Amino acid sequence: MTAEPEPEEEVTETGKYQLLERLFKFLKTRDTPVNAVLAGYFAKLVTLLINRKQKNLIPFVFSPESEVIDNLVYHVYQKSVAELLNKFLNIQDHEFEEPLSTEIKRKQN
């Protein structure tokens, strides 16, 4: 019996946010509810990134083409996701440069 090699996953994301794209792909599901246990682990990981790598994470989350906030709002019924959304909406925008600061204000309103 020979084991068939698993097909390699296509990597379509490019750039410096490739890993964040893969992480936040968890929230892109619209046809099924998010698993509560996985949402808890996801929220813990993103909270850790907010606390330790905020300067790298916030530009990704609040970029004009990002759908992260919209996806969080869509899954707000999940307690862990709601708490994460609250953290993003309470980010202080004065710590960032002008274009990003403006985008943060726009998405927070």
PDB file of N, CA and C in Angstrom:
ATOM      1  N   MET A   1       0.842  -1.167   0.000  1.00  0.00           N
ATOM      2  CA  MET A   1       0.000   0.000   0.000  1.00  0.00           C
ATOM      3  C   MET A   1       0.894   1.239   0.000  1.00  0.00           C
ATOM      4  N   THR A   2       0.707   2.063  -0.993  1.00  0.00           N
ATOM      5  CA  THR A   2       1.508   3.282  -1.084  1.00  0.00           C
ATOM      6  C   THR A   2       0.671   4.471  -0.654  1.00  0.00           C
ATOM      7  N   ALA A   3       1.295   5.309   0.062  1.00  0.00           N
ATOM      8  CA  ALA A   3       0.598   6.512   0.521  1.00  0.00           C
ATOM      9  C   ALA A   3       0.667   7.567  -0.575  1.00  0.00           C
ATOM     10  N   GLU A   4      -0.494   8.087  -0.904  1.00  0.00           N
ATOM     11  CA  GLU A   4      -0.528   9.140  -1.911  1.00  0.00           C
ATOM     12  C   GLU A   4      -0.108  10.453  -1.272  1.00  0.00           C
ATOM     13  N   PRO A   5       0.712  11.196  -1.973  1.00  0.00           N
ATOM     14  CA  PRO A   5       1.086  12.489  -1.396  1.00  0.00           C
ATOM     15  C   PRO A   5      -0.118  13.425  -1.363  1.00  0.00           C
ATOM     16  N   GLU A   6      -0.222  14.161  -0.276  1.00  0.00           N
ATOM     17  CA  GLU A   6      -1.326  15.102  -0.154  1.00  0.00           C
ATOM     18  C   GLU A   6      -1.076  16.276  -1.084  1.00  0.00           C
ATOM     19  N   PRO A   7      -2.145  16.766  -1.712  1.00  0.00           N
ATOM     20  CA  PRO A   7      -1.941  17.918  -2.594  1.00  0.00           C
ATOM     21  C   PRO A   7      -1.495  19.131  -1.787  1.00  0.00           C
ATOM     22  N   GLU A   8      -0.549  19.852  -2.347  1.00  0.00           N
ATOM     23  CA  GLU A   8      -0.047  21.022  -1.653  1.00  0.00           C
ATOM     24  C   GLU A   8      -1.083  22.135  -1.704  1.00  0.00           C
ATOM     25  N   GLU A   9      -1.233  22.814  -0.595  1.00  0.00           N
ATOM     26  CA  GLU A   9      -2.180  23.925  -0.524  1.00  0.00           C
ATOM     27  C   GLU A   9      -1.610  25.096  -1.322  1.00  0.00           C
ATOM     28  N   GLU A  10      -2.456  25.656  -2.171  1.00  0.00           N
ATOM     29  CA  GLU A  10      -2.004  26.793  -2.953  1.00  0.00           C
ATOM     30  C   GLU A  10      -1.864  28.011  -2.045  1.00  0.00           C
ATOM     31  N   VAL A  11      -0.791  28.687  -2.206  1.00  0.00           N
ATOM     32  CA  VAL A  11      -0.566  29.902  -1.435  1.00  0.00           C
ATOM     33  C   VAL A  11      -0.818  31.074  -2.364  1.00  0.00           C
ATOM     34  N   THR A  12      -1.965  31.729  -2.164  1.00  0.00           N
ATOM     35  CA  THR A  12      -2.314  32.859  -3.013  1.00  0.00           C
ATOM     36  C   THR A  12      -1.968  34.179  -2.361  1.00  0.00           C
ATOM     37  N   GLU A  13      -1.825  34.185  -1.051  1.00  0.00           N
ATOM     38  CA  GLU A  13      -1.501  35.418  -0.371  1.00  0.00           C
ATOM     39  C   GLU A  13      -0.020  35.728  -0.582  1.00  0.00           C
ATOM     40  N   THR A  14       0.271  36.967  -0.756  1.00  0.00           N
ATOM     41  CA  THR A  14       1.661  37.377  -0.868  1.00  0.00           C
ATOM     42  C   THR A  14       1.871  38.594   0.005  1.00  0.00           C
ATOM     43  N   GLY A  15       3.102  38.874   0.268  1.00  0.00           N
ATOM     44  CA  GLY A  15       3.419  40.069   1.026  1.00  0.00           C
ATOM     45  C   GLY A  15       3.695  39.783   2.482  1.00  0.00           C
ATOM     46  N   LYS A  16       3.821  40.882   3.222  1.00  0.00           N
ATOM     47  CA  LYS A  16       4.221  40.753   4.617  1.00  0.00           C
ATOM     48  C   LYS A  16       3.107  40.307   5.538  1.00  0.00           C
ATOM     49  N   TYR A  17       1.871  40.280   5.066  1.00  0.00           N
ATOM     50  CA  TYR A  17       0.743  39.873   5.913  1.00  0.00           C
ATOM     51  C   TYR A  17       0.245  38.468   5.603  1.00  0.00           C
ATOM     52  N   GLN A  18       1.060  37.651   4.999  1.00  0.00           N
ATOM     53  CA  GLN A  18       0.649  36.313   4.602  1.00  0.00           C
ATOM     54  C   GLN A  18       0.175  35.477   5.797  1.00  0.00           C
ATOM     55  N   LEU A  19       0.899  35.499   6.885  1.00  0.00           N
ATOM     56  CA  LEU A  19       0.503  34.701   8.054  1.00  0.00           C
ATOM     57  C   LEU A  19      -0.762  35.248   8.703  1.00  0.00           C
ATOM     58  N   LEU A  20      -0.899  36.571   8.733  1.00  0.00           N
ATOM     59  CA  LEU A  20      -2.116  37.148   9.295  1.00  0.00           C
ATOM     60  C   LEU A  20      -3.324  36.826   8.424  1.00  0.00           C
ATOM     61  N   GLU A  21      -3.140  36.802   7.120  1.00  0.00           N
ATOM     62  CA  GLU A  21      -4.228  36.406   6.216  1.00  0.00           C
ATOM     63  C   GLU A  21      -4.690  34.988   6.535  1.00  0.00           C
ATOM     64  N   ARG A  22      -3.747  34.102   6.741  1.00  0.00           N
ATOM     65  CA  ARG A  22      -4.096  32.708   7.055  1.00  0.00           C
ATOM     66  C   ARG A  22      -4.787  32.607   8.411  1.00  0.00           C
ATOM     67  N   LEU A  23      -4.336  33.384   9.378  1.00  0.00           N
ATOM     68  CA  LEU A  23      -4.956  33.366  10.704  1.00  0.00           C
ATOM     69  C   LEU A  23      -6.395  33.865  10.640  1.00  0.00           C
ATOM     70  N   PHE A  24      -6.609  35.006  10.002  1.00  0.00           N
ATOM     71  CA  PHE A  24      -7.942  35.600   9.967  1.00  0.00           C
ATOM     72  C   PHE A  24      -8.866  34.946   8.943  1.00  0.00           C
ATOM     73  N   LYS A  25      -8.364  33.984   8.183  1.00  0.00           N
ATOM     74  CA  LYS A  25      -9.217  33.212   7.287  1.00  0.00           C
ATOM     75  C   LYS A  25     -10.256  32.428   8.093  1.00  0.00           C
ATOM     76  N   PHE A  26      -9.940  32.178   9.359  1.00  0.00           N
ATOM     77  CA  PHE A  26     -10.854  31.493  10.281  1.00  0.00           C
ATOM     78  C   PHE A  26     -12.207  32.184  10.345  1.00  0.00           C
ATOM     79  N   LEU A  27     -12.218  33.500  10.234  1.00  0.00           N
ATOM     80  CA  LEU A  27     -13.466  34.265  10.363  1.00  0.00           C
ATOM     81  C   LEU A  27     -14.224  34.435   9.050  1.00  0.00           C
ATOM     82  N   LYS A  28     -13.653  34.018   7.942  1.00  0.00           N
ATOM     83  CA  LYS A  28     -14.281  34.268   6.643  1.00  0.00           C
ATOM     84  C   LYS A  28     -15.437  33.333   6.341  1.00  0.00           C
ATOM     85  N   THR A  29     -15.686  32.350   7.181  1.00  0.00           N
ATOM     86  CA  THR A  29     -16.801  31.431   6.943  1.00  0.00           C
ATOM     87  C   THR A  29     -18.116  32.146   7.203  1.00  0.00           C
ATOM     88  N   ARG A  30     -18.993  32.093   6.242  1.00  0.00           N
ATOM     89  CA  ARG A  30     -20.298  32.740   6.395  1.00  0.00           C
ATOM     90  C   ARG A  30     -21.434  31.720   6.388  1.00  0.00           C
ATOM     91  N   ASP A  31     -21.155  30.490   5.964  1.00  0.00           N
ATOM     92  CA  ASP A  31     -22.216  29.491   5.836  1.00  0.00           C
ATOM     93  C   ASP A  31     -22.445  28.680   7.110  1.00  0.00           C
ATOM     94  N   THR A  32     -21.449  28.594   7.987  1.00  0.00           N
ATOM     95  CA  THR A  32     -21.600  27.840   9.233  1.00  0.00           C
ATOM     96  C   THR A  32     -21.153  28.697  10.413  1.00  0.00           C
ATOM     97  N   PRO A  33     -21.742  28.480  11.586  1.00  0.00           N
ATOM     98  CA  PRO A  33     -21.303  29.232  12.769  1.00  0.00           C
ATOM     99  C   PRO A  33     -19.873  28.852  13.152  1.00  0.00           C
ATOM    100  N   VAL A  34     -19.202  29.773  13.784  1.00  0.00           N
ATOM    101  CA  VAL A  34     -17.836  29.537  14.235  1.00  0.00           C
ATOM    102  C   VAL A  34     -17.875  28.630  15.460  1.00  0.00           C
ATOM    103  N   ASN A  35     -16.989  27.654  15.497  1.00  0.00           N
ATOM    104  CA  ASN A  35     -16.868  26.742  16.625  1.00  0.00           C
ATOM    105  C   ASN A  35     -16.444  27.532  17.860  1.00  0.00           C
ATOM    106  N   ALA A  36     -17.178  27.375  18.957  1.00  0.00           N
ATOM    107  CA  ALA A  36     -16.938  28.161  20.172  1.00  0.00           C
ATOM    108  C   ALA A  36     -15.550  27.894  20.762  1.00  0.00           C
ATOM    109  N   VAL A  37     -15.118  26.658  20.766  1.00  0.00           N
ATOM    110  CA  VAL A  37     -13.813  26.320  21.335  1.00  0.00           C
ATOM    111  C   VAL A  37     -12.700  26.923  20.480  1.00  0.00           C
ATOM    112  N   LEU A  38     -12.799  26.748  19.178  1.00  0.00           N
ATOM    113  CA  LEU A  38     -11.788  27.310  18.285  1.00  0.00           C
ATOM    114  C   LEU A  38     -11.791  28.835  18.332  1.00  0.00           C
ATOM    115  N   ALA A  39     -12.968  29.441  18.474  1.00  0.00           N
ATOM    116  CA  ALA A  39     -13.058  30.893  18.584  1.00  0.00           C
ATOM    117  C   ALA A  39     -12.338  31.375  19.845  1.00  0.00           C
ATOM    118  N   GLY A  40     -12.415  30.614  20.914  1.00  0.00           N
ATOM    119  CA  GLY A  40     -11.717  30.972  22.143  1.00  0.00           C
ATOM    120  C   GLY A  40     -10.206  30.951  21.961  1.00  0.00           C
ATOM    121  N   TYR A  41      -9.690  29.906  21.320  1.00  0.00           N
ATOM    122  CA  TYR A  41      -8.258  29.831  21.045  1.00  0.00           C
ATOM    123  C   TYR A  41      -7.828  30.941  20.082  1.00  0.00           C
ATOM    124  N   PHE A  42      -8.645  31.188  19.074  1.00  0.00           N
ATOM    125  CA  PHE A  42      -8.371  32.254  18.108  1.00  0.00           C
ATOM    126  C   PHE A  42      -8.283  33.599  18.823  1.00  0.00           C
ATOM    127  N   ALA A  43      -9.235  33.873  19.700  1.00  0.00           N
ATOM    128  CA  ALA A  43      -9.265  35.145  20.432  1.00  0.00           C
ATOM    129  C   ALA A  43      -8.042  35.288  21.340  1.00  0.00           C
ATOM    130  N   LYS A  44      -7.630  34.199  21.981  1.00  0.00           N
ATOM    131  CA  LYS A  44      -6.441  34.259  22.838  1.00  0.00           C
ATOM    132  C   LYS A  44      -5.197  34.588  22.026  1.00  0.00           C
ATOM    133  N   LEU A  45      -5.085  33.969  20.856  1.00  0.00           N
ATOM    134  CA  LEU A  45      -3.928  34.226  20.000  1.00  0.00           C
ATOM    135  C   LEU A  45      -3.916  35.664  19.491  1.00  0.00           C
ATOM    136  N   VAL A  46      -5.057  36.156  19.042  1.00  0.00           N
ATOM    137  CA  VAL A  46      -5.117  37.523  18.528  1.00  0.00           C
ATOM    138  C   VAL A  46      -4.904  38.528  19.666  1.00  0.00           C
ATOM    139  N   THR A  47      -5.411  38.249  20.851  1.00  0.00           N
ATOM    140  CA  THR A  47      -5.165  39.114  22.002  1.00  0.00           C
ATOM    141  C   THR A  47      -3.676  39.186  22.313  1.00  0.00           C
ATOM    142  N   LEU A  48      -3.004  38.066  22.226  1.00  0.00           N
ATOM    143  CA  LEU A  48      -1.560  38.033  22.432  1.00  0.00           C
ATOM    144  C   LEU A  48      -0.848  38.899  21.383  1.00  0.00           C
ATOM    145  N   LEU A  49      -1.299  38.805  20.144  1.00  0.00           N
ATOM    146  CA  LEU A  49      -0.714  39.626  19.086  1.00  0.00           C
ATOM    147  C   LEU A  49      -0.992  41.116  19.317  1.00  0.00           C
ATOM    148  N   ILE A  50      -2.180  41.437  19.809  1.00  0.00           N
ATOM    149  CA  ILE A  50      -2.503  42.838  20.121  1.00  0.00           C
ATOM    150  C   ILE A  50      -1.563  43.359  21.203  1.00  0.00           C
ATOM    151  N   ASN A  51      -1.329  42.545  22.210  1.00  0.00           N
ATOM    152  CA  ASN A  51      -0.495  42.980  23.329  1.00  0.00           C
ATOM    153  C   ASN A  51       0.988  43.060  22.977  1.00  0.00           C
ATOM    154  N   ARG A  52       1.467  42.157  22.128  1.00  0.00           N
ATOM    155  CA  ARG A  52       2.905  42.088  21.865  1.00  0.00           C
ATOM    156  C   ARG A  52       3.341  42.655  20.525  1.00  0.00           C
ATOM    157  N   LYS A  53       2.498  42.586  19.519  1.00  0.00           N
ATOM    158  CA  LYS A  53       2.871  43.009  18.163  1.00  0.00           C
ATOM    159  C   LYS A  53       1.847  43.977  17.582  1.00  0.00           C
ATOM    160  N   GLN A  54       1.384  44.899  18.383  1.00  0.00           N
ATOM    161  CA  GLN A  54       0.323  45.806  17.970  1.00  0.00           C
ATOM    162  C   GLN A  54       0.719  46.630  16.749  1.00  0.00           C
ATOM    163  N   LYS A  55       1.951  47.070  16.678  1.00  0.00           N
ATOM    164  CA  LYS A  55       2.406  47.898  15.557  1.00  0.00           C
ATOM    165  C   LYS A  55       2.373  47.141  14.235  1.00  0.00           C
ATOM    166  N   ASN A  56       2.439  45.818  14.278  1.00  0.00           N
ATOM    167  CA  ASN A  56       2.362  45.005  13.054  1.00  0.00           C
ATOM    168  C   ASN A  56       0.934  44.577  12.740  1.00  0.00           C
ATOM    169  N   LEU A  57       0.132  44.334  13.760  1.00  0.00           N
ATOM    170  CA  LEU A  57      -1.217  43.812  13.575  1.00  0.00           C
ATOM    171  C   LEU A  57      -2.219  44.892  13.171  1.00  0.00           C
ATOM    172  N   ILE A  58      -2.170  46.028  13.806  1.00  0.00           N
ATOM    173  CA  ILE A  58      -3.175  47.073  13.581  1.00  0.00           C
ATOM    174  C   ILE A  58      -3.196  47.571  12.134  1.00  0.00           C
ATOM    175  N   PRO A  59      -2.057  47.798  11.488  1.00  0.00           N
ATOM    176  CA  PRO A  59      -2.130  48.202  10.073  1.00  0.00           C
ATOM    177  C   PRO A  59      -2.814  47.160   9.189  1.00  0.00           C
ATOM    178  N   PHE A  60      -2.671  45.886   9.511  1.00  0.00           N
ATOM    179  CA  PHE A  60      -3.343  44.836   8.738  1.00  0.00           C
ATOM    180  C   PHE A  60      -4.848  44.880   8.982  1.00  0.00           C
ATOM    181  N   VAL A  61      -5.252  44.961  10.229  1.00  0.00           N
ATOM    182  CA  VAL A  61      -6.675  44.906  10.586  1.00  0.00           C
ATOM    183  C   VAL A  61      -7.427  46.127  10.070  1.00  0.00           C
ATOM    184  N   PHE A  62      -6.809  47.288  10.153  1.00  0.00           N
ATOM    185  CA  PHE A  62      -7.501  48.525   9.794  1.00  0.00           C
ATOM    186  C   PHE A  62      -7.134  49.057   8.410  1.00  0.00           C
ATOM    187  N   SER A  63      -6.498  48.245   7.581  1.00  0.00           N
ATOM    188  CA  SER A  63      -6.212  48.705   6.219  1.00  0.00           C
ATOM    189  C   SER A  63      -7.532  48.849   5.452  1.00  0.00           C
ATOM    190  N   PRO A  64      -7.587  49.740   4.459  1.00  0.00           N
ATOM    191  CA  PRO A  64      -8.848  49.973   3.738  1.00  0.00           C
ATOM    192  C   PRO A  64      -9.429  48.722   3.076  1.00  0.00           C
ATOM    193  N   GLU A  65      -8.577  47.823   2.615  1.00  0.00           N
ATOM    194  CA  GLU A  65      -9.079  46.629   1.937  1.00  0.00           C
ATOM    195  C   GLU A  65      -9.333  45.454   2.884  1.00  0.00           C
ATOM    196  N   SER A  66      -9.046  45.618   4.170  1.00  0.00           N
ATOM    197  CA  SER A  66      -9.225  44.544   5.143  1.00  0.00           C
ATOM    198  C   SER A  66     -10.699  44.325   5.468  1.00  0.00           C
ATOM    199  N   GLU A  67     -11.073  43.072   5.615  1.00  0.00           N
ATOM    200  CA  GLU A  67     -12.437  42.699   5.988  1.00  0.00           C
ATOM    201  C   GLU A  67     -12.508  42.147   7.411  1.00  0.00           C
ATOM    202  N   VAL A  68     -11.452  42.307   8.168  1.00  0.00           N
ATOM    203  CA  VAL A  68     -11.371  41.710   9.502  1.00  0.00           C
ATOM    204  C   VAL A  68     -12.478  42.235  10.409  1.00  0.00           C
ATOM    205  N   ILE A  69     -12.669  43.533  10.480  1.00  0.00           N
ATOM    206  CA  ILE A  69     -13.701  44.103  11.359  1.00  0.00           C
ATOM    207  C   ILE A  69     -15.085  43.640  10.907  1.00  0.00           C
ATOM    208  N   ASP A  70     -15.328  43.622   9.600  1.00  0.00           N
ATOM    209  CA  ASP A  70     -16.617  43.145   9.087  1.00  0.00           C
ATOM    210  C   ASP A  70     -16.858  41.689   9.465  1.00  0.00           C
ATOM    211  N   ASN A  71     -15.823  40.857   9.371  1.00  0.00           N
ATOM    212  CA  ASN A  71     -15.964  39.445   9.738  1.00  0.00           C
ATOM    213  C   ASN A  71     -16.186  39.280  11.235  1.00  0.00           C
ATOM    214  N   LEU A  72     -15.531  40.104  12.033  1.00  0.00           N
ATOM    215  CA  LEU A  72     -15.761  40.052  13.481  1.00  0.00           C
ATOM    216  C   LEU A  72     -17.204  40.436  13.808  1.00  0.00           C
ATOM    217  N   VAL A  73     -17.713  41.451  13.139  1.00  0.00           N
ATOM    218  CA  VAL A  73     -19.097  41.874  13.369  1.00  0.00           C
ATOM    219  C   VAL A  73     -20.060  40.764  12.959  1.00  0.00           C
ATOM    220  N   TYR A  74     -19.759  40.085  11.861  1.00  0.00           N
ATOM    221  CA  TYR A  74     -20.637  39.006  11.398  1.00  0.00           C
ATOM    222  C   TYR A  74     -20.725  37.870  12.423  1.00  0.00           C
ATOM    223  N   HIS A  75     -19.631  37.596  13.121  1.00  0.00           N
ATOM    224  CA  HIS A  75     -19.598  36.494  14.098  1.00  0.00           C
ATOM    225  C   HIS A  75     -19.664  37.002  15.540  1.00  0.00           C
ATOM    226  N   VAL A  76     -20.269  38.162  15.753  1.00  0.00           N
ATOM    227  CA  VAL A  76     -20.306  38.772  17.078  1.00  0.00           C
ATOM    228  C   VAL A  76     -21.155  37.962  18.072  1.00  0.00           C
ATOM    229  N   TYR A  77     -21.968  37.049  17.600  1.00  0.00           N
ATOM    230  CA  TYR A  77     -22.766  36.198  18.484  1.00  0.00           C
ATOM    231  C   TYR A  77     -21.887  35.317  19.370  1.00  0.00           C
ATOM    232  N   GLN A  78     -20.656  35.089  18.963  1.00  0.00           N
ATOM    233  CA  GLN A  78     -19.717  34.273  19.724  1.00  0.00           C
ATOM    234  C   GLN A  78     -19.008  35.169  20.741  1.00  0.00           C
ATOM    235  N   LYS A  79     -19.063  34.798  22.015  1.00  0.00           N
ATOM    236  CA  LYS A  79     -18.528  35.641  23.089  1.00  0.00           C
ATOM    237  C   LYS A  79     -17.063  36.012  22.871  1.00  0.00           C
ATOM    238  N   SER A  80     -16.240  35.062  22.494  1.00  0.00           N
ATOM    239  CA  SER A  80     -14.811  35.334  22.294  1.00  0.00           C
ATOM    240  C   SER A  80     -14.589  36.327  21.168  1.00  0.00           C
ATOM    241  N   VAL A  81     -15.359  36.205  20.113  1.00  0.00           N
ATOM    242  CA  VAL A  81     -15.238  37.124  18.979  1.00  0.00           C
ATOM    243  C   VAL A  81     -15.722  38.513  19.372  1.00  0.00           C
ATOM    244  N   ALA A  82     -16.793  38.578  20.159  1.00  0.00           N
ATOM    245  CA  ALA A  82     -17.314  39.863  20.624  1.00  0.00           C
ATOM    246  C   ALA A  82     -16.281  40.594  21.487  1.00  0.00           C
ATOM    247  N   GLU A  83     -15.609  39.863  22.362  1.00  0.00           N
ATOM    248  CA  GLU A  83     -14.576  40.470  23.200  1.00  0.00           C
ATOM    249  C   GLU A  83     -13.404  40.964  22.361  1.00  0.00           C
ATOM    250  N   LEU A  84     -13.059  40.210  21.331  1.00  0.00           N
ATOM    251  CA  LEU A  84     -11.981  40.610  20.430  1.00  0.00           C
ATOM    252  C   LEU A  84     -12.368  41.868  19.651  1.00  0.00           C
ATOM    253  N   LEU A  85     -13.590  41.917  19.178  1.00  0.00           N
ATOM    254  CA  LEU A  85     -14.083  43.098  18.467  1.00  0.00           C
ATOM    255  C   LEU A  85     -14.028  44.320  19.385  1.00  0.00           C
ATOM    256  N   ASN A  86     -14.403  44.137  20.637  1.00  0.00           N
ATOM    257  CA  ASN A  86     -14.343  45.224  21.616  1.00  0.00           C
ATOM    258  C   ASN A  86     -12.916  45.744  21.770  1.00  0.00           C
ATOM    259  N   LYS A  87     -11.944  44.845  21.798  1.00  0.00           N
ATOM    260  CA  LYS A  87     -10.545  45.264  21.919  1.00  0.00           C
ATOM    261  C   LYS A  87     -10.113  46.078  20.702  1.00  0.00           C
ATOM    262  N   PHE A  88     -10.518  45.646  19.520  1.00  0.00           N
ATOM    263  CA  PHE A  88     -10.139  46.384  18.314  1.00  0.00           C
ATOM    264  C   PHE A  88     -10.823  47.747  18.258  1.00  0.00           C
ATOM    265  N   LEU A  89     -12.051  47.815  18.710  1.00  0.00           N
ATOM    266  CA  LEU A  89     -12.771  49.079  18.652  1.00  0.00           C
ATOM    267  C   LEU A  89     -12.321  50.069  19.721  1.00  0.00           C
ATOM    268  N   ASN A  90     -11.566  49.593  20.695  1.00  0.00           N
ATOM    269  CA  ASN A  90     -11.041  50.479  21.736  1.00  0.00           C
ATOM    270  C   ASN A  90      -9.562  50.787  21.566  1.00  0.00           C
ATOM    271  N   ILE A  91      -8.995  50.460  20.423  1.00  0.00           N
ATOM    272  CA  ILE A  91      -7.596  50.785  20.133  1.00  0.00           C
ATOM    273  C   ILE A  91      -7.470  52.306  20.055  1.00  0.00           C
ATOM    274  N   GLN A  92      -6.455  52.835  20.672  1.00  0.00           N
ATOM    275  CA  GLN A  92      -6.212  54.276  20.632  1.00  0.00           C
ATOM    276  C   GLN A  92      -5.516  54.624  19.329  1.00  0.00           C
ATOM    277  N   ASP A  93      -6.116  55.489  18.542  1.00  0.00           N
ATOM    278  CA  ASP A  93      -5.586  55.797  17.218  1.00  0.00           C
ATOM    279  C   ASP A  93      -4.458  56.826  17.248  1.00  0.00           C
ATOM    280  N   HIS A  94      -4.223  57.498  18.360  1.00  0.00           N
ATOM    281  CA  HIS A  94      -3.191  58.534  18.409  1.00  0.00           C
ATOM    282  C   HIS A  94      -1.772  57.967  18.372  1.00  0.00           C
ATOM    283  N   GLU A  95      -1.626  56.663  18.520  1.00  0.00           N
ATOM    284  CA  GLU A  95      -0.308  56.043  18.522  1.00  0.00           C
ATOM    285  C   GLU A  95       0.202  55.745  17.114  1.00  0.00           C
ATOM    286  N   PHE A  96      -0.613  55.991  16.092  1.00  0.00           N
ATOM    287  CA  PHE A  96      -0.264  55.610  14.735  1.00  0.00           C
ATOM    288  C   PHE A  96      -0.168  56.834  13.832  1.00  0.00           C
ATOM    289  N   GLU A  97       0.450  56.648  12.672  1.00  0.00           N
ATOM    290  CA  GLU A  97       0.607  57.739  11.717  1.00  0.00           C
ATOM    291  C   GLU A  97      -0.737  58.143  11.129  1.00  0.00           C
ATOM    292  N   GLU A  98      -0.773  59.292  10.495  1.00  0.00           N
ATOM    293  CA  GLU A  98      -2.017  59.920  10.055  1.00  0.00           C
ATOM    294  C   GLU A  98      -2.911  59.063   9.148  1.00  0.00           C
ATOM    295  N   PRO A  99      -2.431  58.470   8.049  1.00  0.00           N
ATOM    296  CA  PRO A  99      -3.383  57.711   7.215  1.00  0.00           C
ATOM    297  C   PRO A  99      -4.024  56.541   7.974  1.00  0.00           C
ATOM    298  N   LEU A 100      -3.220  55.843   8.760  1.00  0.00           N
ATOM    299  CA  LEU A 100      -3.746  54.709   9.533  1.00  0.00           C
ATOM    300  C   LEU A 100      -4.665  55.199  10.642  1.00  0.00           C
ATOM    301  N   SER A 101      -4.317  56.287  11.279  1.00  0.00           N
ATOM    302  CA  SER A 101      -5.148  56.850  12.337  1.00  0.00           C
ATOM    303  C   SER A 101      -6.533  57.230  11.807  1.00  0.00           C
ATOM    304  N   THR A 102      -6.577  57.801  10.628  1.00  0.00           N
ATOM    305  CA  THR A 102      -7.846  58.165  10.002  1.00  0.00           C
ATOM    306  C   THR A 102      -8.687  56.931   9.691  1.00  0.00           C
ATOM    307  N   GLU A 103      -8.045  55.889   9.199  1.00  0.00           N
ATOM    308  CA  GLU A 103      -8.757  54.647   8.872  1.00  0.00           C
ATOM    309  C   GLU A 103      -9.273  53.966  10.131  1.00  0.00           C
ATOM    310  N   ILE A 104      -8.521  54.011  11.216  1.00  0.00           N
ATOM    311  CA  ILE A 104      -8.974  53.442  12.486  1.00  0.00           C
ATOM    312  C   ILE A 104     -10.227  54.175  12.957  1.00  0.00           C
ATOM    313  N   LYS A 105     -10.207  55.496  12.915  1.00  0.00           N
ATOM    314  CA  LYS A 105     -11.389  56.277  13.318  1.00  0.00           C
ATOM    315  C   LYS A 105     -12.586  55.934  12.460  1.00  0.00           C
ATOM    316  N   ARG A 106     -12.361  55.774  11.140  1.00  0.00           N
ATOM    317  CA  ARG A 106     -13.457  55.480  10.224  1.00  0.00           C
ATOM    318  C   ARG A 106     -14.100  54.134  10.539  1.00  0.00           C
ATOM    319  N   LYS A 107     -13.279  53.127  10.779  1.00  0.00           N
ATOM    320  CA  LYS A 107     -13.821  51.785  11.047  1.00  0.00           C
ATOM    321  C   LYS A 107     -14.390  51.659  12.450  1.00  0.00           C
ATOM    322  N   GLN A 108     -13.924  52.464  13.377  1.00  0.00           N
ATOM    323  CA  GLN A 108     -14.449  52.404  14.732  1.00  0.00           C
ATOM    324  C   GLN A 108     -15.825  53.057  14.822  1.00  0.00           C
ATOM    325  N   ASN A 109     -16.134  53.923  13.905  1.00  0.00           N
ATOM    326  CA  ASN A 109     -17.449  54.577  13.916  1.00  0.00           C
ATOM    327  C   ASN A 109     -18.379  53.786  13.097  1.00  0.00           C
TER     328      ASN A 109
END
